Every structure is written in C-alpha cells, then in structure tokens.
C-alpha cells in the first residue's frame, strides 16, 4: 500500500503531465482557429454545401478542443484540492 506522500507525488506528476498536455492542446486550438479563418475566407463567396459543412465540422472540432481543455483544467483543480487536504 502506498503512503499518502507517495500518492501525492504521483498526483503531482499527473498534474504536471496534464499541464504539458494543455500547452499542446492550446496549440491545437490555435491551429484550428487559423484553419477556420482561412476556410471561412475561402468559402465566403461560395454557398456550396460541402464547404459549409467543412466549416461547421471544423467549428465542432474546435469546440471539442475547448471542452477537453475545460475538463482537463477541472481535473487539475480537483487533484490539487485533494493534495491540499490529504
């Protein structure tokens, strides 16, 4: 059985990994934002349904990245709260 201090160290390592992932996730979000801007400009003169679908799908992908970011931040907060009280 692990001691409380060992568990805290593993939790801290997990929080660190999650923070690193959040940095990469922010970069992915920025890439999606840039791609969306280009796609919107490209599709602006078109009413072709396939291009409009592409914009909608890319927007949905960006929303999922935002959701993942929010969930990961919440997980970090919960883990940090546990470490503070354990």
N, C-alpha and C. Protein backbone atom coordinates (compact mmCIF):
# COMPACT_ATOMS: atom_id res chain seq x y z
N UNK A 1 0.84 -1.18 0.00
CA UNK A 1 0.00 0.00 0.00
C UNK A 1 0.89 1.25 0.00
N UNK A 2 0.51 2.23 -0.77
CA UNK A 2 1.28 3.47 -0.90
C UNK A 2 0.96 4.41 0.26
N UNK A 3 1.98 5.17 0.65
CA UNK A 3 1.75 6.19 1.66
C UNK A 3 1.07 7.39 1.02
N UNK A 4 0.51 8.24 1.86
CA UNK A 4 -0.15 9.45 1.37
C UNK A 4 0.85 10.31 0.59
N UNK A 5 2.08 10.39 1.08
CA UNK A 5 3.08 11.20 0.39
C UNK A 5 3.42 10.64 -0.98
N UNK A 6 3.47 9.31 -1.11
CA UNK A 6 3.73 8.71 -2.41
C UNK A 6 2.58 9.00 -3.38
N UNK A 7 1.37 8.92 -2.88
CA UNK A 7 0.21 9.21 -3.72
C UNK A 7 0.25 10.68 -4.14
N UNK A 8 0.57 11.57 -3.22
CA UNK A 8 0.66 12.99 -3.55
C UNK A 8 1.70 13.24 -4.64
N UNK A 9 2.83 12.54 -4.56
CA UNK A 9 3.88 12.70 -5.58
C UNK A 9 3.39 12.22 -6.93
N UNK A 10 2.66 11.11 -6.96
CA UNK A 10 2.13 10.61 -8.23
C UNK A 10 1.06 11.56 -8.78
N UNK A 11 0.24 12.10 -7.90
CA UNK A 11 -0.78 13.07 -8.33
C UNK A 11 -0.08 14.31 -8.90
N UNK A 12 0.96 14.78 -8.23
CA UNK A 12 1.70 15.95 -8.71
C UNK A 12 2.29 15.69 -10.09
N UNK A 13 2.80 14.47 -10.31
CA UNK A 13 3.36 14.12 -11.62
C UNK A 13 2.25 14.13 -12.68
N UNK A 14 1.10 13.62 -12.32
CA UNK A 14 -0.03 13.60 -13.25
C UNK A 14 -0.48 15.01 -13.58
N UNK A 15 -0.52 15.88 -12.58
CA UNK A 15 -0.88 17.28 -12.81
C UNK A 15 0.13 17.93 -13.76
N UNK A 16 1.40 17.63 -13.55
CA UNK A 16 2.43 18.15 -14.45
C UNK A 16 2.24 17.68 -15.88
N UNK A 17 1.96 16.39 -16.05
CA UNK A 17 1.71 15.86 -17.39
C UNK A 17 0.50 16.52 -18.03
N UNK A 18 -0.52 16.72 -17.24
CA UNK A 18 -1.75 17.33 -17.76
C UNK A 18 -1.49 18.78 -18.16
N UNK A 19 -0.71 19.49 -17.37
CA UNK A 19 -0.35 20.87 -17.74
C UNK A 19 0.42 20.90 -19.05
N UNK A 20 1.32 19.95 -19.24
CA UNK A 20 2.06 19.87 -20.51
C UNK A 20 1.11 19.59 -21.67
N UNK A 21 0.15 18.71 -21.45
CA UNK A 21 -0.84 18.40 -22.49
C UNK A 21 -1.68 19.63 -22.81
N UNK A 22 -1.99 20.43 -21.79
CA UNK A 22 -2.78 21.65 -22.02
C UNK A 22 -2.04 22.64 -22.91
N UNK A 23 -0.73 22.71 -22.76
CA UNK A 23 0.07 23.58 -23.63
C UNK A 23 -0.09 23.13 -25.08
N UNK A 24 0.01 21.81 -25.30
CA UNK A 24 -0.13 21.29 -26.66
C UNK A 24 -1.57 21.46 -27.16
N UNK A 25 -2.52 21.30 -26.26
CA UNK A 25 -3.93 21.47 -26.63
C UNK A 25 -4.22 22.91 -27.05
N UNK A 26 -3.62 23.87 -26.36
CA UNK A 26 -3.79 25.27 -26.76
C UNK A 26 -3.23 25.50 -28.16
N UNK A 27 -2.10 24.86 -28.46
CA UNK A 27 -1.52 24.99 -29.80
C UNK A 27 -2.44 24.38 -30.85
N UNK A 28 -3.06 23.27 -30.53
CA UNK A 28 -4.02 22.66 -31.46
C UNK A 28 -5.19 23.60 -31.68
N UNK A 29 -5.70 24.19 -30.60
CA UNK A 29 -6.80 25.14 -30.72
C UNK A 29 -6.44 26.32 -31.60
N UNK A 30 -5.24 26.83 -31.44
CA UNK A 30 -4.79 27.95 -32.26
C UNK A 30 -4.69 27.54 -33.74
N UNK A 31 -4.22 26.33 -33.97
CA UNK A 31 -4.14 25.83 -35.35
C UNK A 31 -5.53 25.71 -35.96
N UNK A 32 -6.48 25.21 -35.19
CA UNK A 32 -7.86 25.14 -35.67
C UNK A 32 -8.41 26.53 -35.96
N UNK A 33 -8.12 27.49 -35.08
CA UNK A 33 -8.58 28.87 -35.31
C UNK A 33 -8.04 29.42 -36.62
N UNK A 34 -6.75 29.19 -36.86
CA UNK A 34 -6.13 29.66 -38.10
C UNK A 34 -6.75 28.97 -39.31
N UNK A 35 -6.96 27.66 -39.22
CA UNK A 35 -7.56 26.92 -40.33
C UNK A 35 -8.98 27.39 -40.58
N UNK A 36 -9.72 27.64 -39.51
CA UNK A 36 -11.09 28.14 -39.65
C UNK A 36 -11.12 29.49 -40.35
N UNK A 37 -10.21 30.36 -39.98
CA UNK A 37 -10.16 31.69 -40.60
C UNK A 37 -9.92 31.57 -42.10
N UNK A 38 -8.99 30.74 -42.49
CA UNK A 38 -8.69 30.55 -43.91
C UNK A 38 -9.87 29.91 -44.63
N UNK A 39 -10.45 28.89 -44.01
CA UNK A 39 -11.58 28.20 -44.64
C UNK A 39 -12.78 29.13 -44.79
N UNK A 40 -13.04 29.94 -43.77
CA UNK A 40 -14.16 30.89 -43.86
C UNK A 40 -13.94 31.90 -45.00
N UNK A 41 -12.71 32.40 -45.09
CA UNK A 41 -12.41 33.35 -46.17
C UNK A 41 -12.55 32.68 -47.54
N UNK A 42 -12.08 31.46 -47.62
CA UNK A 42 -12.14 30.73 -48.88
C UNK A 42 -13.58 30.43 -49.27
N UNK A 43 -14.39 30.08 -48.27
CA UNK A 43 -15.77 29.69 -48.54
C UNK A 43 -16.72 30.88 -48.59
N UNK A 44 -16.23 32.08 -48.28
CA UNK A 44 -17.10 33.26 -48.19
C UNK A 44 -17.89 33.51 -49.46
N UNK A 45 -17.31 33.33 -50.59
CA UNK A 45 -18.00 33.61 -51.84
C UNK A 45 -18.80 32.43 -52.35
N UNK A 46 -18.74 31.34 -51.62
CA UNK A 46 -19.40 30.14 -52.09
C UNK A 46 -20.57 29.79 -51.17
N UNK A 47 -21.55 29.22 -51.75
CA UNK A 47 -22.65 28.70 -50.94
C UNK A 47 -22.73 27.18 -51.14
N UNK A 48 -21.60 26.62 -51.54
CA UNK A 48 -21.57 25.18 -51.77
C UNK A 48 -21.74 24.45 -50.45
N UNK A 49 -22.69 23.54 -50.37
CA UNK A 49 -22.99 22.85 -49.11
C UNK A 49 -21.80 22.10 -48.52
N UNK A 50 -20.96 21.55 -49.37
CA UNK A 50 -19.81 20.80 -48.86
C UNK A 50 -18.85 21.72 -48.12
N UNK A 51 -18.60 22.91 -48.65
CA UNK A 51 -17.73 23.87 -47.97
C UNK A 51 -18.35 24.34 -46.66
N UNK A 52 -19.65 24.59 -46.69
CA UNK A 52 -20.33 25.00 -45.46
C UNK A 52 -20.27 23.89 -44.42
N UNK A 53 -20.41 22.64 -44.85
CA UNK A 53 -20.28 21.51 -43.93
C UNK A 53 -18.87 21.44 -43.35
N UNK A 54 -17.89 21.72 -44.17
CA UNK A 54 -16.49 21.69 -43.70
C UNK A 54 -16.28 22.73 -42.60
N UNK A 55 -16.83 23.91 -42.79
CA UNK A 55 -16.71 24.95 -41.76
C UNK A 55 -17.38 24.50 -40.48
N UNK A 56 -18.58 23.96 -40.58
CA UNK A 56 -19.31 23.50 -39.40
C UNK A 56 -18.55 22.41 -38.66
N UNK A 57 -18.00 21.46 -39.41
CA UNK A 57 -17.26 20.37 -38.77
C UNK A 57 -15.98 20.87 -38.10
N UNK A 58 -15.30 21.79 -38.73
CA UNK A 58 -14.09 22.33 -38.12
C UNK A 58 -14.43 23.14 -36.87
N UNK A 59 -15.55 23.86 -36.90
CA UNK A 59 -16.00 24.58 -35.71
C UNK A 59 -16.32 23.60 -34.58
N UNK A 60 -16.94 22.47 -34.92
CA UNK A 60 -17.24 21.46 -33.92
C UNK A 60 -15.97 20.86 -33.33
N UNK A 61 -14.98 20.65 -34.18
CA UNK A 61 -13.69 20.14 -33.69
C UNK A 61 -13.07 21.13 -32.72
N UNK A 62 -13.15 22.41 -33.05
CA UNK A 62 -12.60 23.44 -32.17
C UNK A 62 -13.34 23.46 -30.83
N UNK A 63 -14.66 23.29 -30.88
CA UNK A 63 -15.45 23.25 -29.64
C UNK A 63 -15.05 22.07 -28.78
N UNK A 64 -14.75 20.93 -29.40
CA UNK A 64 -14.32 19.75 -28.65
C UNK A 64 -12.97 20.00 -27.98
N UNK A 65 -12.10 20.72 -28.66
CA UNK A 65 -10.81 21.07 -28.05
C UNK A 65 -11.05 21.96 -26.84
N UNK A 66 -11.96 22.93 -26.96
CA UNK A 66 -12.29 23.79 -25.82
C UNK A 66 -12.85 22.96 -24.66
N UNK A 67 -13.72 22.01 -24.99
CA UNK A 67 -14.30 21.15 -23.97
C UNK A 67 -13.23 20.32 -23.27
N UNK A 68 -12.31 19.76 -24.05
CA UNK A 68 -11.22 18.98 -23.48
C UNK A 68 -10.36 19.84 -22.55
N UNK A 69 -10.11 21.07 -22.96
CA UNK A 69 -9.32 21.99 -22.14
C UNK A 69 -10.03 22.25 -20.82
N UNK A 70 -11.32 22.53 -20.88
CA UNK A 70 -12.09 22.81 -19.66
C UNK A 70 -12.10 21.62 -18.72
N UNK A 71 -12.29 20.42 -19.27
CA UNK A 71 -12.30 19.22 -18.44
C UNK A 71 -10.93 18.97 -17.79
N UNK A 72 -9.87 19.17 -18.55
CA UNK A 72 -8.53 18.95 -18.01
C UNK A 72 -8.20 19.95 -16.91
N UNK A 73 -8.59 21.20 -17.10
CA UNK A 73 -8.38 22.22 -16.06
C UNK A 73 -9.14 21.84 -14.79
N UNK A 74 -10.36 21.34 -14.96
CA UNK A 74 -11.15 20.90 -13.81
C UNK A 74 -10.50 19.72 -13.10
N UNK A 75 -9.95 18.80 -13.86
CA UNK A 75 -9.28 17.65 -13.26
C UNK A 75 -8.06 18.10 -12.45
N UNK A 76 -7.31 19.06 -12.98
CA UNK A 76 -6.16 19.59 -12.25
C UNK A 76 -6.62 20.25 -10.95
N UNK A 77 -7.68 21.03 -11.03
CA UNK A 77 -8.18 21.70 -9.82
C UNK A 77 -8.61 20.68 -8.78
N UNK A 78 -9.29 19.62 -9.21
CA UNK A 78 -9.72 18.59 -8.26
C UNK A 78 -8.52 17.87 -7.64
N UNK A 79 -7.54 17.54 -8.47
CA UNK A 79 -6.34 16.85 -7.97
C UNK A 79 -5.58 17.74 -6.99
N UNK A 80 -5.46 19.02 -7.32
CA UNK A 80 -4.76 19.94 -6.43
C UNK A 80 -5.53 20.12 -5.12
N UNK A 81 -6.85 20.15 -5.20
CA UNK A 81 -7.66 20.27 -3.98
C UNK A 81 -7.46 19.05 -3.09
N UNK A 82 -7.41 17.88 -3.68
CA UNK A 82 -7.18 16.68 -2.89
C UNK A 82 -5.81 16.72 -2.22
N UNK A 83 -4.80 17.10 -2.99
CA UNK A 83 -3.44 17.17 -2.41
C UNK A 83 -3.37 18.15 -1.26
N UNK A 84 -4.14 19.23 -1.33
CA UNK A 84 -4.11 20.24 -0.27
C UNK A 84 -4.78 19.74 1.01
N UNK A 85 -5.70 18.80 0.87
CA UNK A 85 -6.42 18.34 2.07
C UNK A 85 -5.93 17.01 2.59
N UNK A 86 -5.17 16.27 1.79
CA UNK A 86 -4.70 14.93 2.22
C UNK A 86 -3.53 15.02 3.16
